[in-house]
Amino acid sequence: MEYVIVLAIVVFILVFKDRPIIVLTFEDGKLTKQKGDIPNGFLIGCKDIAHKQPFSGQVKVYKNRFVTKLTFSKTVPSKVKQRINNVYPHTGGSKKRGKRA
């Protein structure tokens, strides 16, 4: 019976763990932490935005099979959120795509 409880806890942790593919942390307009495989243009664009309009906060990118979603911490202003959304390459090349006729 104990094994079932332990297994349920492990499955719960694996399912509900926060697993973003990209994490960027900014403090006063400076990039302090980065995690994940970040596209070069996106990284340069975010640094440029943070330099022009300094802010503190965190940007996370989640990706599942169909959707790429950017989430921001509460301290990121809405104008900065929009600019970062515009910089992100949502149409990144997928290796599974075939040729069109």
N, C-alpha and C. Protein backbone atom coordinates (compact mmCIF):
# COMPACT_ATOMS: atom_id res chain seq x y z
N MET A 1 0.81 -1.19 0.00
CA MET A 1 0.00 0.00 0.00
C MET A 1 0.86 1.26 0.00
N GLU A 2 1.99 1.19 0.69
CA GLU A 2 2.88 2.35 0.73
C GLU A 2 3.45 2.67 -0.65
N TYR A 3 3.66 1.62 -1.45
CA TYR A 3 4.20 1.83 -2.79
C TYR A 3 3.25 2.64 -3.66
N VAL A 4 1.98 2.43 -3.52
CA VAL A 4 0.98 3.16 -4.29
C VAL A 4 1.01 4.64 -3.92
N ILE A 5 1.14 4.93 -2.66
CA ILE A 5 1.19 6.33 -2.21
C ILE A 5 2.46 7.00 -2.72
N VAL A 6 3.58 6.32 -2.62
CA VAL A 6 4.85 6.88 -3.10
C VAL A 6 4.78 7.09 -4.61
N LEU A 7 4.24 6.15 -5.34
CA LEU A 7 4.10 6.29 -6.79
C LEU A 7 3.19 7.46 -7.15
N ALA A 8 2.10 7.63 -6.41
CA ALA A 8 1.20 8.76 -6.66
C ALA A 8 1.90 10.09 -6.41
N ILE A 9 2.72 10.17 -5.39
CA ILE A 9 3.46 11.40 -5.10
C ILE A 9 4.47 11.70 -6.20
N VAL A 10 5.17 10.68 -6.67
CA VAL A 10 6.15 10.87 -7.74
C VAL A 10 5.47 11.33 -9.02
N VAL A 11 4.36 10.72 -9.38
CA VAL A 11 3.63 11.12 -10.59
C VAL A 11 3.11 12.55 -10.45
N PHE A 12 2.62 12.90 -9.27
CA PHE A 12 2.13 14.26 -9.03
C PHE A 12 3.25 15.29 -9.20
N ILE A 13 4.42 15.00 -8.69
CA ILE A 13 5.57 15.91 -8.82
C ILE A 13 5.98 16.05 -10.28
N LEU A 14 6.03 14.95 -11.01
CA LEU A 14 6.45 15.01 -12.41
C LEU A 14 5.45 15.76 -13.29
N VAL A 15 4.17 15.63 -12.99
CA VAL A 15 3.14 16.27 -13.80
C VAL A 15 3.06 17.76 -13.54
N PHE A 16 3.17 18.17 -12.29
CA PHE A 16 2.93 19.56 -11.94
C PHE A 16 4.21 20.37 -11.72
N LYS A 17 5.36 19.84 -12.07
CA LYS A 17 6.61 20.58 -11.93
C LYS A 17 6.68 21.65 -13.01
N ASP A 18 7.18 22.82 -12.66
CA ASP A 18 7.33 23.93 -13.59
C ASP A 18 8.51 23.62 -14.53
N ARG A 19 8.22 23.43 -15.84
CA ARG A 19 9.27 23.04 -16.79
C ARG A 19 9.30 23.96 -18.01
N PRO A 20 9.76 25.19 -17.86
CA PRO A 20 9.89 26.05 -19.04
C PRO A 20 11.10 25.65 -19.87
N ILE A 21 11.07 25.96 -21.17
CA ILE A 21 12.22 25.65 -22.02
C ILE A 21 13.23 26.79 -22.02
N ILE A 22 12.77 28.02 -21.71
CA ILE A 22 13.66 29.18 -21.63
C ILE A 22 13.27 30.00 -20.41
N VAL A 23 14.27 30.45 -19.65
CA VAL A 23 14.04 31.34 -18.51
C VAL A 23 15.05 32.48 -18.60
N LEU A 24 14.55 33.71 -18.57
CA LEU A 24 15.40 34.90 -18.55
C LEU A 24 15.03 35.71 -17.31
N THR A 25 16.01 36.10 -16.51
CA THR A 25 15.78 36.89 -15.32
C THR A 25 16.50 38.23 -15.47
N PHE A 26 15.75 39.30 -15.29
CA PHE A 26 16.29 40.65 -15.42
C PHE A 26 16.21 41.36 -14.08
N GLU A 27 17.24 42.16 -13.79
CA GLU A 27 17.24 43.02 -12.61
C GLU A 27 17.74 44.39 -13.02
N ASP A 28 16.89 45.39 -12.91
CA ASP A 28 17.22 46.78 -13.24
C ASP A 28 17.80 46.92 -14.65
N GLY A 29 17.23 46.22 -15.60
CA GLY A 29 17.65 46.34 -16.98
C GLY A 29 18.83 45.48 -17.37
N LYS A 30 19.33 44.66 -16.49
CA LYS A 30 20.46 43.78 -16.78
C LYS A 30 20.00 42.33 -16.74
N LEU A 31 20.47 41.55 -17.70
CA LEU A 31 20.17 40.11 -17.72
C LEU A 31 21.07 39.44 -16.70
N THR A 32 20.48 38.87 -15.64
CA THR A 32 21.28 38.26 -14.58
C THR A 32 21.35 36.74 -14.71
N LYS A 33 20.29 36.11 -15.21
CA LYS A 33 20.28 34.65 -15.35
C LYS A 33 19.62 34.28 -16.66
N GLN A 34 20.13 33.24 -17.28
CA GLN A 34 19.49 32.70 -18.47
C GLN A 34 19.59 31.18 -18.43
N LYS A 35 18.54 30.53 -18.90
CA LYS A 35 18.51 29.07 -18.89
C LYS A 35 17.81 28.59 -20.14
N GLY A 36 18.34 27.60 -20.77
CA GLY A 36 17.70 27.01 -21.93
C GLY A 36 18.42 27.37 -23.22
N ASP A 37 17.91 26.83 -24.32
CA ASP A 37 18.45 27.08 -25.64
C ASP A 37 17.76 28.32 -26.21
N ILE A 38 18.40 29.47 -26.05
CA ILE A 38 17.79 30.75 -26.40
C ILE A 38 18.22 31.15 -27.81
N PRO A 39 17.25 31.45 -28.70
CA PRO A 39 17.62 31.95 -30.03
C PRO A 39 18.40 33.26 -29.91
N ASN A 40 19.45 33.40 -30.71
CA ASN A 40 20.35 34.54 -30.60
C ASN A 40 19.63 35.87 -30.81
N GLY A 41 18.75 35.95 -31.79
CA GLY A 41 18.02 37.17 -32.05
C GLY A 41 17.11 37.56 -30.90
N PHE A 42 16.49 36.58 -30.27
CA PHE A 42 15.62 36.84 -29.12
C PHE A 42 16.43 37.35 -27.94
N LEU A 43 17.59 36.77 -27.70
CA LEU A 43 18.44 37.20 -26.59
C LEU A 43 18.92 38.63 -26.80
N ILE A 44 19.37 38.95 -27.99
CA ILE A 44 19.84 40.30 -28.28
C ILE A 44 18.69 41.29 -28.18
N GLY A 45 17.51 40.92 -28.70
CA GLY A 45 16.34 41.79 -28.62
C GLY A 45 15.92 42.07 -27.19
N CYS A 46 15.92 41.04 -26.34
CA CYS A 46 15.55 41.23 -24.93
C CYS A 46 16.54 42.12 -24.20
N LYS A 47 17.83 41.92 -24.48
CA LYS A 47 18.83 42.78 -23.85
C LYS A 47 18.66 44.23 -24.29
N ASP A 48 18.34 44.44 -25.57
CA ASP A 48 18.14 45.78 -26.08
C ASP A 48 16.91 46.44 -25.44
N ILE A 49 15.82 45.69 -25.31
CA ILE A 49 14.61 46.21 -24.68
C ILE A 49 14.89 46.57 -23.22
N ALA A 50 15.61 45.70 -22.51
CA ALA A 50 15.92 45.95 -21.10
C ALA A 50 16.85 47.14 -20.94
N HIS A 51 17.72 47.37 -21.92
CA HIS A 51 18.63 48.51 -21.85
C HIS A 51 17.88 49.82 -22.06
N LYS A 52 16.92 49.81 -23.00
CA LYS A 52 16.17 51.03 -23.31
C LYS A 52 15.11 51.35 -22.25
N GLN A 53 14.44 50.32 -21.73
CA GLN A 53 13.43 50.49 -20.69
C GLN A 53 13.75 49.54 -19.55
N PRO A 54 14.59 49.96 -18.60
CA PRO A 54 15.00 49.05 -17.53
C PRO A 54 13.81 48.53 -16.71
N PHE A 55 13.83 47.25 -16.43
CA PHE A 55 12.78 46.61 -15.63
C PHE A 55 13.39 45.44 -14.89
N SER A 56 12.69 44.96 -13.91
CA SER A 56 13.08 43.77 -13.16
C SER A 56 11.96 42.75 -13.31
N GLY A 57 12.33 41.50 -13.47
CA GLY A 57 11.32 40.45 -13.59
C GLY A 57 11.87 39.23 -14.28
N GLN A 58 10.95 38.33 -14.59
CA GLN A 58 11.32 37.06 -15.18
C GLN A 58 10.44 36.76 -16.38
N VAL A 59 11.07 36.22 -17.43
CA VAL A 59 10.36 35.82 -18.64
C VAL A 59 10.56 34.31 -18.79
N LYS A 60 9.46 33.58 -18.94
CA LYS A 60 9.54 32.13 -19.14
C LYS A 60 8.84 31.78 -20.44
N VAL A 61 9.40 30.80 -21.14
CA VAL A 61 8.80 30.32 -22.39
C VAL A 61 8.48 28.84 -22.21
N TYR A 62 7.21 28.51 -22.43
CA TYR A 62 6.74 27.13 -22.36
C TYR A 62 6.38 26.68 -23.77
N LYS A 63 6.64 25.41 -24.05
CA LYS A 63 6.29 24.88 -25.36
C LYS A 63 5.72 23.48 -25.19
N ASN A 64 4.56 23.27 -25.82
CA ASN A 64 4.05 21.92 -25.91
C ASN A 64 3.97 21.57 -27.38
N ARG A 65 3.24 20.58 -27.71
CA ARG A 65 3.23 20.10 -29.09
C ARG A 65 2.67 21.12 -30.07
N PHE A 66 1.74 21.95 -29.64
CA PHE A 66 1.05 22.84 -30.56
C PHE A 66 1.32 24.33 -30.31
N VAL A 67 1.62 24.71 -29.09
CA VAL A 67 1.64 26.13 -28.73
C VAL A 67 2.94 26.49 -28.03
N THR A 68 3.45 27.69 -28.33
CA THR A 68 4.55 28.28 -27.59
C THR A 68 3.99 29.45 -26.82
N LYS A 69 4.22 29.49 -25.51
CA LYS A 69 3.60 30.51 -24.66
C LYS A 69 4.66 31.22 -23.85
N LEU A 70 4.62 32.55 -23.86
CA LEU A 70 5.50 33.36 -23.03
C LEU A 70 4.73 33.80 -21.80
N THR A 71 5.35 33.66 -20.62
CA THR A 71 4.75 34.16 -19.40
C THR A 71 5.73 35.13 -18.74
N PHE A 72 5.19 36.11 -18.05
CA PHE A 72 5.98 37.17 -17.45
C PHE A 72 5.64 37.27 -15.98
N SER A 73 6.61 37.71 -15.17
CA SER A 73 6.32 37.98 -13.77
C SER A 73 5.50 39.26 -13.67
N LYS A 74 4.91 39.49 -12.51
CA LYS A 74 4.03 40.64 -12.33
C LYS A 74 4.77 41.97 -12.41
N THR A 75 6.07 41.98 -12.20
CA THR A 75 6.82 43.23 -12.18
C THR A 75 7.19 43.74 -13.56
N VAL A 76 6.92 42.96 -14.60
CA VAL A 76 7.25 43.39 -15.97
C VAL A 76 6.11 44.27 -16.48
N PRO A 77 6.41 45.51 -16.92
CA PRO A 77 5.35 46.40 -17.43
C PRO A 77 4.72 45.87 -18.72
N SER A 78 3.48 46.27 -18.98
CA SER A 78 2.75 45.74 -20.13
C SER A 78 3.37 46.15 -21.45
N LYS A 79 3.94 47.35 -21.55
CA LYS A 79 4.59 47.76 -22.80
C LYS A 79 5.82 46.90 -23.09
N VAL A 80 6.54 46.56 -22.05
CA VAL A 80 7.72 45.70 -22.22
C VAL A 80 7.28 44.29 -22.61
N LYS A 81 6.18 43.81 -22.03
CA LYS A 81 5.66 42.49 -22.39
C LYS A 81 5.35 42.43 -23.88
N GLN A 82 4.70 43.47 -24.39
CA GLN A 82 4.35 43.49 -25.80
C GLN A 82 5.59 43.52 -26.69
N ARG A 83 6.59 44.30 -26.31
CA ARG A 83 7.81 44.37 -27.10
C ARG A 83 8.55 43.03 -27.12
N ILE A 84 8.58 42.34 -25.98
CA ILE A 84 9.24 41.03 -25.93
C ILE A 84 8.45 40.02 -26.75
N ASN A 85 7.12 40.07 -26.69
CA ASN A 85 6.29 39.19 -27.52
C ASN A 85 6.58 39.42 -29.00
N ASN A 86 6.78 40.67 -29.39
CA ASN A 86 7.06 40.98 -30.80
C ASN A 86 8.42 40.47 -31.23
N VAL A 87 9.37 40.39 -30.31
CA VAL A 87 10.73 39.95 -30.64
C VAL A 87 10.83 38.43 -30.72
N TYR A 88 9.99 37.71 -29.98
CA TYR A 88 10.12 36.25 -29.91
C TYR A 88 9.77 35.61 -31.25
N PRO A 89 10.65 34.72 -31.74
CA PRO A 89 10.39 34.05 -33.03
C PRO A 89 9.44 32.86 -32.87
N HIS A 90 8.14 33.11 -32.84
CA HIS A 90 7.16 32.04 -32.65
C HIS A 90 7.20 31.02 -33.78
N THR A 91 7.62 31.44 -34.95
CA THR A 91 7.63 30.54 -36.10
C THR A 91 9.00 29.92 -36.29
N GLY A 92 9.62 29.54 -35.20
CA GLY A 92 10.93 28.89 -35.29
C GLY A 92 10.86 27.63 -36.12
N GLY A 93 11.87 27.37 -36.91
CA GLY A 93 11.86 26.25 -37.84
C GLY A 93 11.71 24.92 -37.14
N SER A 94 10.75 24.16 -37.55
CA SER A 94 10.56 22.82 -37.03
C SER A 94 11.22 21.84 -37.99
N LYS A 95 11.95 20.88 -37.46
CA LYS A 95 12.67 19.92 -38.29
C LYS A 95 11.72 18.91 -38.93
N LYS A 96 10.49 18.83 -38.44
CA LYS A 96 9.55 17.84 -38.95
C LYS A 96 8.77 18.36 -40.15
N ARG A 97 8.97 19.60 -40.51
CA ARG A 97 8.20 20.19 -41.60
C ARG A 97 8.69 19.65 -42.94
N GLY A 98 7.76 19.37 -43.83
CA GLY A 98 8.11 18.88 -45.16
C GLY A 98 8.07 20.01 -46.17
N LYS A 99 8.44 19.70 -47.39
CA LYS A 99 8.41 20.71 -48.46
C LYS A 99 6.99 20.90 -48.95
N ARG A 100 6.69 22.15 -49.30
CA ARG A 100 5.39 22.42 -49.88
C ARG A 100 5.51 22.44 -51.39
N ALA A 101 4.46 22.03 -52.06
CA ALA A 101 4.47 21.98 -53.52
C ALA A 101 4.21 23.34 -54.12
